[in-house]
């Protein structure tokens, strides 16, 4: 039961990330997140160097991957 609720929460998070990538303002997308370790710093540097259209595509792909992955987990546990 716990895995199902966990999966539903992350499916909704993935859908929110996809919604934000489509309807979010450029300023909001540019200022997303703060790095907490060395790998995050490197990823944020790469993210900051990309144009906003590429950032939106990456955010949409990440949200889609999260939603599909957790939907698979949800139905696998059904």
Protein backbone atom coordinates (compact mmCIF):
# COMPACT_ATOMS: atom_id res chain seq x y z
CA UNK A 1 0.00 0.00 0.00
CA UNK A 2 2.83 2.39 0.85
CA UNK A 3 4.47 1.89 -2.54
CA UNK A 4 1.24 2.75 -4.32
CA UNK A 5 0.86 6.03 -2.45
CA UNK A 6 4.55 6.79 -3.01
CA UNK A 7 4.13 6.07 -6.74
CA UNK A 8 1.05 8.27 -7.02
CA UNK A 9 2.87 11.16 -5.31
CA UNK A 10 5.80 10.90 -7.71
CA UNK A 11 3.52 10.55 -10.74
CA UNK A 12 1.90 13.83 -9.70
CA UNK A 13 5.34 15.40 -9.19
CA UNK A 14 6.35 14.34 -12.71
CA UNK A 15 3.16 15.82 -14.12
CA UNK A 16 3.85 19.07 -12.24
CA UNK A 17 7.38 19.24 -13.69
CA UNK A 18 5.95 18.75 -17.19
CA UNK A 19 3.31 21.45 -16.54
CA UNK A 20 5.97 23.82 -15.22
CA UNK A 21 8.19 23.25 -18.26
CA UNK A 22 5.33 24.20 -20.59
CA UNK A 23 3.64 27.01 -18.68
CA UNK A 24 6.42 28.29 -16.40
CA UNK A 25 7.92 31.73 -16.86
CA UNK A 26 11.48 32.01 -18.17
CA UNK A 27 12.65 33.63 -14.95
CA UNK A 28 11.15 30.83 -12.85
CA UNK A 29 12.74 28.14 -14.99
CA UNK A 30 16.11 29.89 -14.94
CA UNK A 31 16.20 30.19 -11.14
CA UNK A 32 15.14 26.63 -10.33
CA UNK A 33 16.94 24.81 -7.51
CA UNK A 34 20.06 25.31 -5.42
CA UNK A 35 23.02 22.92 -5.58
CA UNK A 36 23.86 20.97 -2.43
CA UNK A 37 26.90 18.90 -3.48
CA UNK A 38 29.61 18.81 -6.15
CA UNK A 39 27.59 16.86 -8.73
CA UNK A 40 24.68 19.27 -8.32
CA UNK A 41 27.06 22.20 -8.88
CA UNK A 42 28.29 20.70 -12.15
CA UNK A 43 24.76 19.89 -13.34
CA UNK A 44 23.52 23.37 -12.42
CA UNK A 45 26.44 24.96 -14.32
CA UNK A 46 25.50 22.98 -17.42
CA UNK A 47 21.83 23.83 -16.88
CA UNK A 48 22.55 27.57 -16.49
CA UNK A 49 24.59 27.66 -19.72
CA UNK A 50 21.78 26.22 -21.86
CA UNK A 51 19.22 28.43 -23.60
CA UNK A 52 15.73 28.54 -22.08
CA UNK A 53 14.13 26.44 -24.85
CA UNK A 54 16.56 23.58 -24.20
CA UNK A 55 15.91 23.90 -20.44
CA UNK A 56 12.18 23.54 -21.07
CA UNK A 57 12.76 20.43 -23.20
CA UNK A 58 15.00 18.90 -20.50
CA UNK A 59 12.45 19.65 -17.76
CA UNK A 60 9.65 18.14 -19.84
CA UNK A 61 11.74 15.01 -20.55
CA UNK A 62 12.60 14.67 -16.87
CA UNK A 63 8.94 14.99 -15.83
CA UNK A 64 7.90 12.49 -18.49
CA UNK A 65 10.55 10.00 -17.35
CA UNK A 66 9.47 10.36 -13.71
CA UNK A 67 5.79 9.90 -14.59
CA UNK A 68 6.37 6.90 -16.85
CA UNK A 69 8.77 5.25 -14.40
CA UNK A 70 6.49 5.54 -11.42
CA UNK A 71 3.43 4.59 -13.47
CA UNK A 72 5.26 1.39 -14.39
CA UNK A 73 6.07 0.77 -10.73
CA UNK A 74 2.45 1.50 -9.77
CA UNK A 75 1.00 -1.00 -12.25
CA UNK A 76 3.74 -3.55 -11.57
CA UNK A 77 2.64 -3.62 -7.91
CA UNK A 78 -1.08 -3.76 -8.76
